[in-house]
PDB file of N, CA and C in Angstrom:
ATOM      1  N   MET A   1     -31.298  -7.570 -33.501  1.00  0.00           N
ATOM      2  CA  MET A   1     -30.421  -7.921 -34.852  1.00  0.00           C
ATOM      3  C   MET A   1     -31.076  -8.751 -35.554  1.00  0.00           C
ATOM      4  N   LEU A   2     -30.997  -8.561 -36.873  1.00  0.00           N
ATOM      5  CA  LEU A   2     -31.756  -9.452 -37.909  1.00  0.00           C
ATOM      6  C   LEU A   2     -30.759  -9.819 -39.071  1.00  0.00           C
ATOM      7  N   CYS A   3     -30.494 -11.103 -39.354  1.00  0.00           N
ATOM      8  CA  CYS A   3     -29.868 -11.218 -40.556  1.00  0.00           C
ATOM      9  C   CYS A   3     -30.403 -12.503 -41.187  1.00  0.00           C
ATOM     10  N   LYS A   4     -30.469 -12.453 -42.538  1.00  0.00           N
ATOM     11  CA  LYS A   4     -30.901 -13.514 -43.499  1.00  0.00           C
ATOM     12  C   LYS A   4     -29.831 -14.712 -43.482  1.00  0.00           C
ATOM     13  N   TYR A   5     -30.367 -15.828 -43.491  1.00  0.00           N
ATOM     14  CA  TYR A   5     -29.446 -17.023 -43.695  1.00  0.00           C
ATOM     15  C   TYR A   5     -30.074 -17.959 -44.515  1.00  0.00           C
ATOM     16  N   ASN A   6     -29.208 -18.806 -45.008  1.00  0.00           N
ATOM     17  CA  ASN A   6     -29.524 -19.937 -45.950  1.00  0.00           C
ATOM     18  C   ASN A   6     -28.606 -20.923 -45.813  1.00  0.00           C
ATOM     19  N   TYR A   7     -28.655 -21.743 -44.657  1.00  0.00           N
ATOM     20  CA  TYR A   7     -27.447 -22.873 -44.604  1.00  0.00           C
ATOM     21  C   TYR A   7     -28.092 -23.999 -44.941  1.00  0.00           C
ATOM     22  N   SER A   8     -27.363 -25.045 -45.382  1.00  0.00           N
ATOM     23  CA  SER A   8     -28.072 -26.220 -45.900  1.00  0.00           C
ATOM     24  C   SER A   8     -28.472 -26.879 -44.804  1.00  0.00           C
ATOM     25  N   LEU A   9     -28.145 -26.783 -43.472  1.00  0.00           N
ATOM     26  CA  LEU A   9     -28.825 -27.539 -42.476  1.00  0.00           C
ATOM     27  C   LEU A   9     -30.095 -26.850 -41.975  1.00  0.00           C
ATOM     28  N   HIS A  10     -30.394 -25.572 -42.208  1.00  0.00           N
ATOM     29  CA  HIS A  10     -31.531 -24.857 -41.848  1.00  0.00           C
ATOM     30  C   HIS A  10     -32.347 -24.526 -42.891  1.00  0.00           C
ATOM     31  N   THR A  11     -33.684 -24.106 -42.651  1.00  0.00           N
ATOM     32  CA  THR A  11     -34.617 -23.638 -43.544  1.00  0.00           C
ATOM     33  C   THR A  11     -34.306 -22.274 -43.846  1.00  0.00           C
ATOM     34  N   VAL A  12     -34.866 -21.632 -44.909  1.00  0.00           N
ATOM     35  CA  VAL A  12     -34.500 -20.298 -45.157  1.00  0.00           C
ATOM     36  C   VAL A  12     -35.481 -19.417 -44.111  1.00  0.00           C
ATOM     37  N   GLY A  13     -34.783 -18.230 -43.698  1.00  0.00           N
ATOM     38  CA  GLY A  13     -35.604 -17.566 -42.635  1.00  0.00           C
ATOM     39  C   GLY A  13     -34.606 -16.432 -42.155  1.00  0.00           C
ATOM     40  N   VAL A  14     -35.330 -15.822 -41.089  1.00  0.00           N
ATOM     41  CA  VAL A  14     -34.670 -14.631 -40.607  1.00  0.00           C
ATOM     42  C   VAL A  14     -34.170 -15.139 -39.137  1.00  0.00           C
ATOM     43  N   LYS A  15     -32.848 -14.872 -38.805  1.00  0.00           N
ATOM     44  CA  LYS A  15     -32.209 -15.114 -37.564  1.00  0.00           C
ATOM     45  C   LYS A  15     -32.200 -14.028 -36.697  1.00  0.00           C
ATOM     46  N   THR A  16     -32.946 -14.046 -35.639  1.00  0.00           N
ATOM     47  CA  THR A  16     -32.922 -12.844 -34.445  1.00  0.00           C
ATOM     48  C   THR A  16     -32.455 -13.225 -33.327  1.00  0.00           C
ATOM     49  N   VAL A  17     -32.255 -12.294 -32.417  1.00  0.00           N
ATOM     50  CA  VAL A  17     -31.633 -12.480 -31.270  1.00  0.00           C
ATOM     51  C   VAL A  17     -32.744 -11.862 -30.227  1.00  0.00           C
ATOM     52  N   ILE A  18     -33.333 -12.635 -29.186  1.00  0.00           N
ATOM     53  CA  ILE A  18     -34.237 -12.106 -28.219  1.00  0.00           C
ATOM     54  C   ILE A  18     -33.891 -12.505 -26.839  1.00  0.00           C
ATOM     55  N   SER A  19     -34.285 -11.720 -25.911  1.00  0.00           N
ATOM     56  CA  SER A  19     -34.089 -11.760 -24.561  1.00  0.00           C
ATOM     57  C   SER A  19     -35.242 -12.546 -23.952  1.00  0.00           C
ATOM     58  N   LEU A  20     -35.014 -13.397 -23.226  1.00  0.00           N
ATOM     59  CA  LEU A  20     -36.036 -14.243 -22.653  1.00  0.00           C
ATOM     60  C   LEU A  20     -35.669 -14.390 -21.067  1.00  0.00           C
ATOM     61  N   PRO A  21     -36.633 -14.376 -20.227  1.00  0.00           N
ATOM     62  CA  PRO A  21     -36.323 -14.608 -18.596  1.00  0.00           C
ATOM     63  C   PRO A  21     -35.806 -16.091 -18.681  1.00  0.00           C
ATOM     64  N   ASP A  22     -34.724 -16.383 -17.604  1.00  0.00           N
ATOM     65  CA  ASP A  22     -34.205 -17.512 -17.529  1.00  0.00           C
ATOM     66  C   ASP A  22     -35.229 -18.661 -17.344  1.00  0.00           C
ATOM     67  N   ASP A  23     -36.348 -18.642 -16.671  1.00  0.00           N
ATOM     68  CA  ASP A  23     -37.282 -19.823 -16.439  1.00  0.00           C
ATOM     69  C   ASP A  23     -37.892 -20.158 -17.801  1.00  0.00           C
ATOM     70  N   ILE A  24     -38.546 -19.093 -18.479  1.00  0.00           N
ATOM     71  CA  ILE A  24     -38.936 -19.363 -19.897  1.00  0.00           C
ATOM     72  C   ILE A  24     -38.000 -20.095 -20.939  1.00  0.00           C
ATOM     73  N   PHE A  25     -36.921 -19.793 -20.924  1.00  0.00           N
ATOM     74  CA  PHE A  25     -35.815 -20.311 -21.748  1.00  0.00           C
ATOM     75  C   PHE A  25     -35.492 -21.793 -21.332  1.00  0.00           C
ATOM     76  N   GLU A  26     -35.463 -22.112 -20.039  1.00  0.00           N
ATOM     77  CA  GLU A  26     -35.289 -23.332 -19.572  1.00  0.00           C
ATOM     78  C   GLU A  26     -36.401 -24.005 -19.664  1.00  0.00           C
ATOM     79  N   ARG A  27     -37.526 -23.633 -19.436  1.00  0.00           N
ATOM     80  CA  ARG A  27     -39.053 -24.398 -19.965  1.00  0.00           C
ATOM     81  C   ARG A  27     -39.065 -24.661 -21.327  1.00  0.00           C
ATOM     82  N   ALA A  28     -38.573 -23.707 -22.133  1.00  0.00           N
ATOM     83  CA  ALA A  28     -38.689 -23.936 -23.723  1.00  0.00           C
ATOM     84  C   ALA A  28     -37.730 -25.006 -23.986  1.00  0.00           C
ATOM     85  N   THR A  29     -36.541 -25.069 -23.570  1.00  0.00           N
ATOM     86  CA  THR A  29     -35.556 -25.889 -23.963  1.00  0.00           C
ATOM     87  C   THR A  29     -35.970 -27.144 -23.335  1.00  0.00           C
ATOM     88  N   ALA A  30     -36.551 -27.468 -22.216  1.00  0.00           N
ATOM     89  CA  ALA A  30     -36.868 -28.762 -21.842  1.00  0.00           C
ATOM     90  C   ALA A  30     -38.190 -29.262 -22.602  1.00  0.00           C
ATOM     91  N   HIS A  31     -39.100 -28.378 -23.014  1.00  0.00           N
ATOM     92  CA  HIS A  31     -40.241 -28.916 -23.573  1.00  0.00           C
ATOM     93  C   HIS A  31     -39.836 -29.252 -25.043  1.00  0.00           C
ATOM     94  N   ALA A  32     -39.110 -28.488 -25.699  1.00  0.00           N
ATOM     95  CA  ALA A  32     -38.625 -28.884 -27.175  1.00  0.00           C
ATOM     96  C   ALA A  32     -37.904 -30.319 -27.069  1.00  0.00           C
ATOM     97  N   GLN A  33     -37.230 -30.464 -26.122  1.00  0.00           N
ATOM     98  CA  GLN A  33     -36.450 -31.787 -26.164  1.00  0.00           C
ATOM     99  C   GLN A  33     -37.354 -32.841 -25.930  1.00  0.00           C
ATOM    100  N   SER A  34     -38.295 -32.471 -24.896  1.00  0.00           N
ATOM    101  CA  SER A  34     -39.323 -33.680 -24.738  1.00  0.00           C
ATOM    102  C   SER A  34     -40.131 -34.195 -25.814  1.00  0.00           C
ATOM    103  N   ILE A  35     -40.452 -33.285 -26.778  1.00  0.00           N
ATOM    104  CA  ILE A  35     -41.237 -33.417 -27.879  1.00  0.00           C
ATOM    105  C   ILE A  35     -40.430 -33.834 -29.191  1.00  0.00           C
ATOM    106  N   GLY A  36     -39.138 -33.466 -29.088  1.00  0.00           N
ATOM    107  CA  GLY A  36     -38.291 -33.841 -30.198  1.00  0.00           C
ATOM    108  C   GLY A  36     -38.123 -32.856 -31.240  1.00  0.00           C
ATOM    109  N   ILE A  37     -38.258 -31.531 -30.875  1.00  0.00           N
ATOM    110  CA  ILE A  37     -38.036 -30.493 -31.924  1.00  0.00           C
ATOM    111  C   ILE A  37     -37.210 -29.469 -31.508  1.00  0.00           C
ATOM    112  N   SER A  38     -36.596 -28.738 -32.141  1.00  0.00           N
ATOM    113  CA  SER A  38     -35.738 -27.440 -31.863  1.00  0.00           C
ATOM    114  C   SER A  38     -36.526 -26.544 -30.933  1.00  0.00           C
ATOM    115  N   ARG A  39     -35.658 -25.730 -30.249  1.00  0.00           N
ATOM    116  CA  ARG A  39     -36.249 -24.366 -29.720  1.00  0.00           C
ATOM    117  C   ARG A  39     -36.831 -23.598 -30.853  1.00  0.00           C
ATOM    118  N   SER A  40     -36.289 -23.418 -31.969  1.00  0.00           N
ATOM    119  CA  SER A  40     -36.642 -22.521 -32.907  1.00  0.00           C
ATOM    120  C   SER A  40     -38.062 -23.016 -33.449  1.00  0.00           C
ATOM    121  N   GLU A  41     -38.231 -24.203 -33.667  1.00  0.00           N
ATOM    122  CA  GLU A  41     -39.527 -24.815 -33.964  1.00  0.00           C
ATOM    123  C   GLU A  41     -40.803 -24.424 -32.881  1.00  0.00           C
ATOM    124  N   LEU A  42     -40.194 -24.644 -31.707  1.00  0.00           N
ATOM    125  CA  LEU A  42     -41.258 -24.542 -30.563  1.00  0.00           C
ATOM    126  C   LEU A  42     -41.663 -23.053 -30.730  1.00  0.00           C
ATOM    127  N   PHE A  43     -40.692 -22.058 -30.812  1.00  0.00           N
ATOM    128  CA  PHE A  43     -41.022 -20.624 -30.668  1.00  0.00           C
ATOM    129  C   PHE A  43     -41.873 -20.265 -32.203  1.00  0.00           C
ATOM    130  N   VAL A  44     -41.568 -20.887 -33.120  1.00  0.00           N
ATOM    131  CA  VAL A  44     -42.418 -20.743 -34.350  1.00  0.00           C
ATOM    132  C   VAL A  44     -43.806 -21.173 -34.104  1.00  0.00           C
ATOM    133  N   THR A  45     -43.953 -22.487 -33.594  1.00  0.00           N
ATOM    134  CA  THR A  45     -45.267 -22.970 -33.452  1.00  0.00           C
ATOM    135  C   THR A  45     -46.044 -22.023 -32.429  1.00  0.00           C
ATOM    136  N   ALA A  46     -45.342 -21.601 -31.341  1.00  0.00           N
ATOM    137  CA  ALA A  46     -46.046 -20.898 -30.424  1.00  0.00           C
ATOM    138  C   ALA A  46     -46.360 -19.558 -30.987  1.00  0.00           C
ATOM    139  N   LEU A  47     -45.722 -18.905 -31.635  1.00  0.00           N
ATOM    140  CA  LEU A  47     -45.947 -17.685 -32.348  1.00  0.00           C
ATOM    141  C   LEU A  47     -47.310 -17.872 -33.356  1.00  0.00           C
ATOM    142  N   ARG A  48     -47.281 -18.870 -34.080  1.00  0.00           N
ATOM    143  CA  ARG A  48     -48.209 -19.206 -35.061  1.00  0.00           C
ATOM    144  C   ARG A  48     -49.483 -19.177 -34.331  1.00  0.00           C
ATOM    145  N   GLN A  49     -49.501 -20.129 -33.214  1.00  0.00           N
ATOM    146  CA  GLN A  49     -50.553 -20.277 -32.438  1.00  0.00           C
ATOM    147  C   GLN A  49     -51.320 -18.801 -31.739  1.00  0.00           C
ATOM    148  N   TYR A  50     -50.250 -18.139 -31.215  1.00  0.00           N
ATOM    149  CA  TYR A  50     -50.649 -16.851 -30.759  1.00  0.00           C
ATOM    150  C   TYR A  50     -51.362 -16.049 -31.775  1.00  0.00           C
ATOM    151  N   PHE A  51     -50.729 -15.899 -32.920  1.00  0.00           N
ATOM    152  CA  PHE A  51     -51.328 -15.047 -34.168  1.00  0.00           C
ATOM    153  C   PHE A  51     -52.721 -15.545 -34.502  1.00  0.00           C
ATOM    154  N   ASP A  52     -52.830 -16.898 -34.529  1.00  0.00           N
ATOM    155  CA  ASP A  52     -54.134 -17.328 -35.027  1.00  0.00           C
ATOM    156  C   ASP A  52     -55.062 -17.248 -34.077  1.00  0.00           C
ATOM    157  N   LEU A  53     -54.828 -17.207 -32.606  1.00  0.00           N
ATOM    158  CA  LEU A  53     -55.774 -16.806 -31.542  1.00  0.00           C
ATOM    159  C   LEU A  53     -56.173 -15.458 -31.683  1.00  0.00           C
ATOM    160  N   HIS A  54     -55.199 -14.463 -31.896  1.00  0.00           N
ATOM    161  CA  HIS A  54     -55.641 -13.171 -32.059  1.00  0.00           C
ATOM    162  C   HIS A  54     -56.356 -12.845 -33.424  1.00  0.00           C
ATOM    163  N   ASP A  55     -56.076 -13.504 -34.330  1.00  0.00           N
ATOM    164  CA  ASP A  55     -56.865 -13.248 -35.695  1.00  0.00           C
ATOM    165  C   ASP A  55     -58.378 -13.793 -35.467  1.00  0.00           C
ATOM    166  N   GLN A  56     -58.356 -14.926 -34.544  1.00  0.00           N
ATOM    167  CA  GLN A  56     -59.869 -15.279 -34.370  1.00  0.00           C
ATOM    168  C   GLN A  56     -60.628 -14.266 -33.479  1.00  0.00           C
ATOM    169  N   ALA A  57     -59.807 -13.750 -32.527  1.00  0.00           N
ATOM    170  CA  ALA A  57     -60.476 -12.668 -31.556  1.00  0.00           C
ATOM    171  C   ALA A  57     -60.940 -11.410 -32.429  1.00  0.00           C
ATOM    172  N   ALA A  58     -59.983 -11.073 -33.220  1.00  0.00           N
ATOM    173  CA  ALA A  58     -60.450  -9.908 -34.180  1.00  0.00           C
ATOM    174  C   ALA A  58     -61.652 -10.424 -35.126  1.00  0.00           C
ATOM    175  N   LEU A  59     -61.798 -11.462 -35.571  1.00  0.00           N
ATOM    176  CA  LEU A  59     -62.911 -11.840 -36.452  1.00  0.00           C
ATOM    177  C   LEU A  59     -64.325 -11.895 -35.496  1.00  0.00           C
ATOM    178  N   LEU A  60     -64.077 -12.514 -34.480  1.00  0.00           N
ATOM    179  CA  LEU A  60     -65.222 -12.548 -33.432  1.00  0.00           C
ATOM    180  C   LEU A  60     -65.650 -11.065 -33.298  1.00  0.00           C
ATOM    181  N   SER A  61     -64.795 -10.247 -32.850  1.00  0.00           N
ATOM    182  CA  SER A  61     -65.147  -8.780 -32.622  1.00  0.00           C
ATOM    183  C   SER A  61     -65.926  -8.063 -33.863  1.00  0.00           C
ATOM    184  N   ASP A  62     -65.199  -8.424 -34.964  1.00  0.00           N
ATOM    185  CA  ASP A  62     -65.880  -7.904 -36.141  1.00  0.00           C
ATOM    186  C   ASP A  62     -67.515  -8.436 -36.387  1.00  0.00           C
ATOM    187  N   ILE A  63     -67.518  -9.721 -36.141  1.00  0.00           N
ATOM    188  CA  ILE A  63     -68.920 -10.162 -36.148  1.00  0.00           C
ATOM    189  C   ILE A  63     -69.793  -9.835 -35.193  1.00  0.00           C
ATOM    190  N   ASN A  64     -69.339  -9.385 -33.979  1.00  0.00           N
ATOM    191  CA  ASN A  64     -70.151  -8.961 -32.935  1.00  0.00           C
ATOM    192  C   ASN A  64     -70.525  -7.515 -33.363  1.00  0.00           C
ATOM    193  N   GLN A  65     -69.577  -6.680 -33.703  1.00  0.00           N
ATOM    194  CA  GLN A  65     -70.034  -5.363 -34.062  1.00  0.00           C
ATOM    195  C   GLN A  65     -70.850  -5.318 -35.225  1.00  0.00           C
ATOM    196  N   ALA A  66     -70.780  -6.285 -36.219  1.00  0.00           N
ATOM    197  CA  ALA A  66     -71.695  -6.298 -37.380  1.00  0.00           C
ATOM    198  C   ALA A  66     -73.155  -6.706 -36.892  1.00  0.00           C
ATOM    199  N   CYS A  67     -73.380  -7.756 -35.734  1.00  0.00           N
ATOM    200  CA  CYS A  67     -74.529  -8.180 -35.396  1.00  0.00           C
ATOM    201  C   CYS A  67     -75.066  -6.952 -34.360  1.00  0.00           C
ATOM    202  N   GLY A  68     -74.218  -6.098 -33.766  1.00  0.00           N
ATOM    203  CA  GLY A  68     -74.713  -5.139 -33.043  1.00  0.00           C
ATOM    204  C   GLY A  68     -75.379  -3.965 -34.057  1.00  0.00           C
ATOM    205  N   ASN A  69     -74.766  -3.952 -35.098  1.00  0.00           N
ATOM    206  CA  ASN A  69     -75.206  -2.718 -36.087  1.00  0.00           C
ATOM    207  C   ASN A  69     -76.513  -3.301 -37.074  1.00  0.00           C
ATOM    208  N   ILE A  70     -77.045  -4.408 -36.992  1.00  0.00           N
ATOM    209  CA  ILE A  70     -78.149  -4.914 -37.771  1.00  0.00           C
ATOM    210  C   ILE A  70     -79.264  -4.292 -36.862  1.00  0.00           C
ATOM    211  N   ALA A  71     -80.160  -3.674 -37.668  1.00  0.00           N
ATOM    212  CA  ALA A  71     -81.490  -2.924 -37.057  1.00  0.00           C
ATOM    213  C   ALA A  71     -82.272  -3.848 -36.675  1.00  0.00           C
ATOM    214  N   ALA A  72     -82.745  -3.772 -35.529  1.00  0.00           N
ATOM    215  CA  ALA A  72     -83.727  -4.876 -34.685  1.00  0.00           C
ATOM    216  C   ALA A  72     -84.974  -4.790 -35.336  1.00  0.00           C
ATOM    217  N   GLY A  73     -85.582  -3.596 -36.080  1.00  0.00           N
ATOM    218  CA  GLY A  73     -86.799  -3.581 -36.445  1.00  0.00           C
ATOM    219  C   GLY A  73     -87.224  -4.197 -37.763  1.00  0.00           C
ATOM    220  N   ASN A  74     -85.966  -4.544 -38.342  1.00  0.00           N
ATOM    221  CA  ASN A  74     -86.027  -5.008 -39.769  1.00  0.00           C
ATOM    222  C   ASN A  74     -86.406  -6.669 -39.594  1.00  0.00           C
ATOM    223  N   GLU A  75     -87.313  -7.268 -40.242  1.00  0.00           N
ATOM    224  CA  GLU A  75     -87.718  -8.783 -39.920  1.00  0.00           C
ATOM    225  C   GLU A  75     -86.510  -9.443 -40.611  1.00  0.00           C
ATOM    226  N   MET A  76     -85.991  -9.067 -41.644  1.00  0.00           N
ATOM    227  CA  MET A  76     -84.807  -9.953 -42.405  1.00  0.00           C
ATOM    228  C   MET A  76     -83.505  -9.988 -41.486  1.00  0.00           C
ATOM    229  N   SER A  77     -83.407  -8.656 -41.230  1.00  0.00           N
ATOM    230  CA  SER A  77     -81.859  -8.298 -40.173  1.00  0.00           C
ATOM    231  C   SER A  77     -82.308  -9.190 -38.926  1.00  0.00           C
ATOM    232  N   SER A  78     -83.376  -9.107 -38.407  1.00  0.00           N
ATOM    233  CA  SER A  78     -83.662 -10.021 -37.120  1.00  0.00           C
ATOM    234  C   SER A  78     -83.275 -11.597 -37.394  1.00  0.00           C
ATOM    235  N   ILE A  79     -83.721 -11.989 -38.491  1.00  0.00           N
ATOM    236  CA  ILE A  79     -83.637 -13.480 -38.808  1.00  0.00           C
ATOM    237  C   ILE A  79     -82.054 -13.639 -39.039  1.00  0.00           C
ATOM    238  N   VAL A  80     -81.301 -12.812 -39.744  1.00  0.00           N
ATOM    239  CA  VAL A  80     -79.893 -12.858 -39.971  1.00  0.00           C
ATOM    240  C   VAL A  80     -78.918 -12.939 -38.655  1.00  0.00           C
ATOM    241  N   LYS A  81     -79.673 -11.823 -37.706  1.00  0.00           N
ATOM    242  CA  LYS A  81     -78.939 -11.768 -36.437  1.00  0.00           C
ATOM    243  C   LYS A  81     -79.030 -13.056 -35.694  1.00  0.00           C
ATOM    244  N   SER A  82     -80.335 -13.607 -35.690  1.00  0.00           N
ATOM    245  CA  SER A  82     -80.688 -14.906 -34.734  1.00  0.00           C
ATOM    246  C   SER A  82     -79.816 -15.972 -35.398  1.00  0.00           C
ATOM    247  N   ASN A  83     -79.751 -16.098 -36.545  1.00  0.00           N
ATOM    248  CA  ASN A  83     -78.841 -17.301 -37.225  1.00  0.00           C
ATOM    249  C   ASN A  83     -77.474 -16.987 -36.946  1.00  0.00           C
ATOM    250  N   LEU A  84     -76.910 -15.829 -36.721  1.00  0.00           N
ATOM    251  CA  LEU A  84     -75.632 -15.706 -36.647  1.00  0.00           C
ATOM    252  C   LEU A  84     -75.134 -16.030 -35.117  1.00  0.00           C
ATOM    253  N   LEU A  85     -76.223 -15.663 -34.228  1.00  0.00           N
ATOM    254  CA  LEU A  85     -75.953 -15.855 -32.771  1.00  0.00           C
ATOM    255  C   LEU A  85     -76.037 -17.551 -32.435  1.00  0.00           C
ATOM    256  N   LYS A  86     -76.669 -18.358 -33.306  1.00  0.00           N
ATOM    257  CA  LYS A  86     -76.788 -19.515 -33.271  1.00  0.00           C
ATOM    258  C   LYS A  86     -75.548 -20.358 -33.479  1.00  0.00           C
ATOM    259  N   VAL A  87     -74.609 -19.793 -34.223  1.00  0.00           N
ATOM    260  CA  VAL A  87     -73.511 -20.461 -34.700  1.00  0.00           C
ATOM    261  C   VAL A  87     -72.521 -20.795 -33.464  1.00  0.00           C
ATOM    262  N   GLN A  88     -72.088 -22.161 -33.545  1.00  0.00           N
ATOM    263  CA  GLN A  88     -71.107 -22.609 -32.485  1.00  0.00           C
ATOM    264  C   GLN A  88     -69.624 -22.201 -33.132  1.00  0.00           C
ATOM    265  N   TRP A  89     -69.205 -21.199 -32.409  1.00  0.00           N
ATOM    266  CA  TRP A  89     -67.794 -20.941 -32.772  1.00  0.00           C
ATOM    267  C   TRP A  89     -66.580 -21.735 -32.069  1.00  0.00           C
ATOM    268  N   ASP A  90     -65.628 -22.183 -32.655  1.00  0.00           N
ATOM    269  CA  ASP A  90     -64.594 -22.939 -31.942  1.00  0.00           C
ATOM    270  C   ASP A  90     -63.989 -21.873 -30.973  1.00  0.00           C
ATOM    271  N   ASP A  91     -63.335 -22.329 -29.624  1.00  0.00           N
ATOM    272  CA  ASP A  91     -62.559 -21.633 -28.928  1.00  0.00           C
ATOM    273  C   ASP A  91     -61.292 -21.529 -29.286  1.00  0.00           C
TER     274      ASP A  91
END
């Protein structure tokens, strides 16, 4: 169920209802309280990190595919491939 809201105490966004296992809900509640944020803020932060992680994985996959497509016999392509493989990527 989705509904738009704009309350003076909340930011503008979409309110949704989700089902969570009890242990996840309890851990989320305890963690949010321990760091002084709302459960909603915790879930938003977690989802943003999840999306960022998967965006990085997709980018790495695209780079790996591009490196695999570089012709090994071409001197310039070999130099480019060698340089790309030397880059230190963040985890």
